[in-house]
């Protein structure tokens, strides 16, 4: 998307320095800055919150309760049982 933005002198200096150091365009530099910012303000359907894990950089969705290893194992066991039952039919 193409648009015009006004940057403060300091923001321009930071983006320009970053772009020169990385040998990328100003547009790409600004896109990288925006992509790296905390996105927890975004809401998705059902009012869950999305944020970016600072360590892995993967998106996190808050659903109201933590999914534990035991939860995952239980679901895997149920799926295995369902597959086994289906194989008998």
N, C-alpha and C. Protein backbone atom coordinates (compact mmCIF):
# COMPACT_ATOMS: atom_id res chain seq x y z
N UNK A 1 0.85 -1.17 0.00
CA UNK A 1 0.00 0.00 0.00
C UNK A 1 0.90 1.23 0.00
N UNK A 2 0.53 2.18 -0.75
CA UNK A 2 1.31 3.40 -0.87
C UNK A 2 0.62 4.53 -0.11
N UNK A 3 1.42 5.26 0.72
CA UNK A 3 0.86 6.39 1.46
C UNK A 3 1.98 7.34 1.87
N UNK A 4 1.62 8.53 2.22
CA UNK A 4 2.58 9.53 2.69
C UNK A 4 2.44 9.67 4.19
N UNK A 5 3.57 9.67 4.88
CA UNK A 5 3.55 9.85 6.34
C UNK A 5 4.54 10.95 6.71
N UNK A 6 4.28 11.58 7.84
CA UNK A 6 5.20 12.58 8.37
C UNK A 6 5.92 11.97 9.57
N UNK A 7 7.25 11.95 9.52
CA UNK A 7 8.06 11.42 10.61
C UNK A 7 8.75 12.57 11.33
N UNK A 8 8.92 12.41 12.62
CA UNK A 8 9.73 13.39 13.36
C UNK A 8 11.17 13.27 12.87
N UNK A 9 11.97 14.29 13.11
CA UNK A 9 13.38 14.25 12.69
C UNK A 9 14.08 13.04 13.30
N UNK A 10 13.80 12.75 14.57
CA UNK A 10 14.43 11.63 15.26
C UNK A 10 14.01 10.29 14.65
N UNK A 11 12.72 10.14 14.36
CA UNK A 11 12.24 8.90 13.74
C UNK A 11 12.86 8.71 12.36
N UNK A 12 12.95 9.78 11.61
CA UNK A 12 13.57 9.72 10.28
C UNK A 12 15.04 9.30 10.41
N UNK A 13 15.77 9.90 11.35
CA UNK A 13 17.18 9.58 11.53
C UNK A 13 17.37 8.10 11.89
N UNK A 14 16.54 7.59 12.79
CA UNK A 14 16.63 6.19 13.20
C UNK A 14 16.34 5.27 12.02
N UNK A 15 15.25 5.55 11.30
CA UNK A 15 14.87 4.70 10.15
C UNK A 15 15.93 4.76 9.06
N UNK A 16 16.46 5.95 8.79
CA UNK A 16 17.47 6.11 7.74
C UNK A 16 18.76 5.38 8.11
N UNK A 17 19.19 5.52 9.35
CA UNK A 17 20.40 4.83 9.82
C UNK A 17 20.22 3.32 9.71
N UNK A 18 19.08 2.83 10.15
CA UNK A 18 18.77 1.40 10.08
C UNK A 18 18.78 0.91 8.64
N UNK A 19 18.15 1.66 7.75
CA UNK A 19 18.08 1.29 6.34
C UNK A 19 19.47 1.24 5.72
N UNK A 20 20.29 2.21 6.02
CA UNK A 20 21.65 2.24 5.45
C UNK A 20 22.46 1.07 5.98
N UNK A 21 22.38 0.82 7.28
CA UNK A 21 23.15 -0.27 7.88
C UNK A 21 22.73 -1.63 7.32
N UNK A 22 21.44 -1.82 7.09
CA UNK A 22 20.92 -3.09 6.57
C UNK A 22 20.92 -3.16 5.04
N UNK A 23 21.22 -2.00 4.42
CA UNK A 23 21.21 -1.89 2.95
C UNK A 23 19.84 -2.24 2.38
N UNK A 24 18.83 -1.62 2.99
CA UNK A 24 17.45 -1.80 2.53
C UNK A 24 16.83 -0.42 2.32
N UNK A 25 15.67 -0.40 1.70
CA UNK A 25 14.98 0.88 1.46
C UNK A 25 14.37 1.39 2.77
N UNK A 26 14.05 2.69 2.77
CA UNK A 26 13.36 3.27 3.93
C UNK A 26 12.02 2.59 4.15
N UNK A 27 11.31 2.29 3.06
CA UNK A 27 10.01 1.62 3.19
C UNK A 27 10.16 0.29 3.90
N UNK A 28 11.16 -0.50 3.48
CA UNK A 28 11.38 -1.80 4.10
C UNK A 28 11.79 -1.63 5.57
N UNK A 29 12.61 -0.62 5.86
CA UNK A 29 13.03 -0.37 7.24
C UNK A 29 11.82 -0.05 8.12
N UNK A 30 10.97 0.84 7.64
CA UNK A 30 9.78 1.21 8.42
C UNK A 30 8.85 0.02 8.56
N UNK A 31 8.69 -0.79 7.50
CA UNK A 31 7.87 -2.00 7.59
C UNK A 31 8.41 -2.95 8.65
N UNK A 32 9.74 -3.11 8.70
CA UNK A 32 10.32 -3.98 9.71
C UNK A 32 10.07 -3.45 11.12
N UNK A 33 10.19 -2.13 11.31
CA UNK A 33 9.91 -1.56 12.62
C UNK A 33 8.47 -1.82 13.04
N UNK A 34 7.55 -1.60 12.13
CA UNK A 34 6.13 -1.80 12.45
C UNK A 34 5.86 -3.27 12.74
N UNK A 35 6.45 -4.17 11.97
CA UNK A 35 6.24 -5.60 12.17
C UNK A 35 6.78 -6.08 13.51
N UNK A 36 7.81 -5.42 14.01
CA UNK A 36 8.44 -5.83 15.27
C UNK A 36 7.76 -5.26 16.50
N UNK A 37 6.83 -4.36 16.33
CA UNK A 37 6.18 -3.74 17.48
C UNK A 37 5.21 -4.70 18.14
N UNK A 38 4.87 -4.43 19.38
CA UNK A 38 3.92 -5.24 20.12
C UNK A 38 2.54 -5.08 19.48
N UNK A 39 1.92 -6.20 19.11
CA UNK A 39 0.61 -6.16 18.45
C UNK A 39 -0.51 -6.55 19.41
N UNK A 40 -0.26 -6.48 20.71
CA UNK A 40 -1.28 -6.93 21.67
C UNK A 40 -2.54 -6.08 21.64
N UNK A 41 -2.48 -4.92 21.00
CA UNK A 41 -3.67 -4.07 20.92
C UNK A 41 -4.66 -4.57 19.89
N UNK A 42 -4.25 -5.51 19.04
CA UNK A 42 -5.16 -6.02 18.01
C UNK A 42 -6.15 -6.99 18.64
N UNK A 43 -7.41 -6.84 18.28
CA UNK A 43 -8.43 -7.77 18.74
C UNK A 43 -8.88 -8.62 17.57
N UNK A 44 -9.14 -9.86 17.84
CA UNK A 44 -9.67 -10.76 16.83
C UNK A 44 -11.04 -11.24 17.27
N UNK A 45 -11.69 -11.98 16.43
CA UNK A 45 -13.03 -12.46 16.73
C UNK A 45 -13.09 -13.11 18.11
N UNK A 46 -14.09 -12.77 18.88
CA UNK A 46 -14.25 -13.33 20.21
C UNK A 46 -13.50 -12.53 21.27
N UNK A 47 -12.90 -11.44 20.88
CA UNK A 47 -12.19 -10.55 21.79
C UNK A 47 -10.92 -11.14 22.37
N UNK A 48 -10.39 -12.21 21.76
CA UNK A 48 -9.11 -12.71 22.19
C UNK A 48 -8.04 -11.69 21.81
N UNK A 49 -6.97 -11.68 22.52
CA UNK A 49 -5.88 -10.75 22.25
C UNK A 49 -4.73 -11.49 21.55
N UNK A 50 -4.14 -10.85 20.58
CA UNK A 50 -2.97 -11.39 19.90
C UNK A 50 -1.76 -10.57 20.30
N UNK A 51 -0.68 -11.25 20.63
CA UNK A 51 0.58 -10.57 20.90
C UNK A 51 1.70 -11.39 20.25
N UNK A 52 2.88 -10.83 20.25
CA UNK A 52 4.03 -11.51 19.68
C UNK A 52 4.97 -11.90 20.82
N UNK A 53 5.34 -13.18 20.87
CA UNK A 53 6.27 -13.64 21.89
C UNK A 53 7.62 -13.00 21.64
N UNK A 54 8.18 -12.29 22.63
CA UNK A 54 9.45 -11.60 22.40
C UNK A 54 10.62 -12.53 22.14
N UNK A 55 10.55 -13.76 22.62
CA UNK A 55 11.63 -14.71 22.43
C UNK A 55 11.56 -15.40 21.08
N UNK A 56 10.39 -15.94 20.75
CA UNK A 56 10.25 -16.72 19.52
C UNK A 56 9.76 -15.92 18.33
N UNK A 57 9.19 -14.73 18.59
CA UNK A 57 8.59 -13.88 17.56
C UNK A 57 7.36 -14.52 16.92
N UNK A 58 6.80 -15.53 17.57
CA UNK A 58 5.59 -16.18 17.08
C UNK A 58 4.36 -15.51 17.69
N UNK A 59 3.23 -15.51 16.95
CA UNK A 59 2.02 -14.90 17.51
C UNK A 59 1.46 -15.74 18.66
N UNK A 60 0.96 -15.05 19.68
CA UNK A 60 0.32 -15.69 20.82
C UNK A 60 -1.13 -15.22 20.87
N UNK A 61 -2.05 -16.14 21.11
CA UNK A 61 -3.45 -15.78 21.24
C UNK A 61 -3.88 -16.12 22.66
N UNK A 62 -4.39 -15.13 23.36
CA UNK A 62 -4.86 -15.32 24.73
C UNK A 62 -6.32 -15.76 24.68
N UNK A 63 -6.59 -16.95 25.20
CA UNK A 63 -7.94 -17.49 25.16
C UNK A 63 -8.60 -17.52 26.53
N UNK A 64 -7.90 -17.08 27.54
CA UNK A 64 -8.48 -17.04 28.87
C UNK A 64 -7.95 -18.10 29.80
N UNK A 65 -7.34 -19.15 29.27
CA UNK A 65 -6.76 -20.17 30.13
C UNK A 65 -5.54 -20.73 29.45
N UNK A 66 -4.56 -21.13 30.25
CA UNK A 66 -3.31 -21.69 29.73
C UNK A 66 -3.52 -23.15 29.36
N UNK A 67 -3.04 -23.54 28.20
CA UNK A 67 -3.08 -24.93 27.78
C UNK A 67 -1.80 -25.59 28.28
N UNK A 68 -1.96 -26.63 29.08
CA UNK A 68 -0.82 -27.30 29.70
C UNK A 68 -0.39 -28.51 28.87
N UNK A 69 0.78 -29.04 29.20
CA UNK A 69 1.27 -30.25 28.55
C UNK A 69 0.29 -31.41 28.77
N UNK A 70 -0.28 -31.46 29.96
CA UNK A 70 -1.25 -32.52 30.26
C UNK A 70 -2.48 -32.41 29.37
N UNK A 71 -2.93 -31.19 29.09
CA UNK A 71 -4.06 -30.98 28.18
C UNK A 71 -3.74 -31.54 26.80
N UNK A 72 -2.56 -31.25 26.33
CA UNK A 72 -2.14 -31.71 24.99
C UNK A 72 -2.06 -33.23 24.96
N UNK A 73 -1.46 -33.82 25.99
CA UNK A 73 -1.34 -35.28 26.04
C UNK A 73 -2.71 -35.95 26.06
N UNK A 74 -3.64 -35.36 26.81
CA UNK A 74 -5.00 -35.92 26.89
C UNK A 74 -5.65 -35.89 25.50
N UNK A 75 -5.52 -34.79 24.78
CA UNK A 75 -6.09 -34.70 23.44
C UNK A 75 -5.44 -35.68 22.49
N UNK A 76 -4.12 -35.84 22.60
CA UNK A 76 -3.43 -36.81 21.75
C UNK A 76 -3.93 -38.22 22.04
N UNK A 77 -4.11 -38.56 23.32
CA UNK A 77 -4.63 -39.88 23.69
C UNK A 77 -6.02 -40.09 23.13
N UNK A 78 -6.88 -39.05 23.21
CA UNK A 78 -8.24 -39.16 22.67
C UNK A 78 -8.21 -39.34 21.16
N UNK A 79 -7.32 -38.63 20.47
CA UNK A 79 -7.19 -38.77 19.02
C UNK A 79 -6.72 -40.17 18.66
N UNK A 80 -5.75 -40.69 19.42
CA UNK A 80 -5.26 -42.05 19.18
C UNK A 80 -6.38 -43.06 19.36
N UNK A 81 -7.20 -42.89 20.39
CA UNK A 81 -8.32 -43.79 20.64
C UNK A 81 -9.33 -43.70 19.50
N UNK A 82 -9.63 -42.49 19.06
CA UNK A 82 -10.58 -42.31 17.95
C UNK A 82 -10.05 -42.98 16.67
N UNK A 83 -8.76 -42.82 16.39
CA UNK A 83 -8.18 -43.46 15.20
C UNK A 83 -8.24 -44.98 15.31
N UNK A 84 -7.96 -45.50 16.50
CA UNK A 84 -8.00 -46.93 16.71
C UNK A 84 -9.42 -47.46 16.51
N UNK A 85 -10.41 -46.74 17.07
CA UNK A 85 -11.81 -47.15 16.89
C UNK A 85 -12.21 -47.11 15.42
N UNK A 86 -11.78 -46.10 14.71
CA UNK A 86 -12.11 -45.98 13.29
C UNK A 86 -11.47 -47.11 12.48
N UNK A 87 -10.29 -47.53 12.90
CA UNK A 87 -9.61 -48.61 12.14
C UNK A 87 -10.31 -49.95 12.31
N UNK A 88 -11.11 -50.09 13.39
CA UNK A 88 -11.81 -51.34 13.63
C UNK A 88 -13.09 -51.45 12.80
N UNK A 89 -13.56 -50.32 12.28
CA UNK A 89 -14.83 -50.34 11.54
C UNK A 89 -14.65 -50.70 10.11
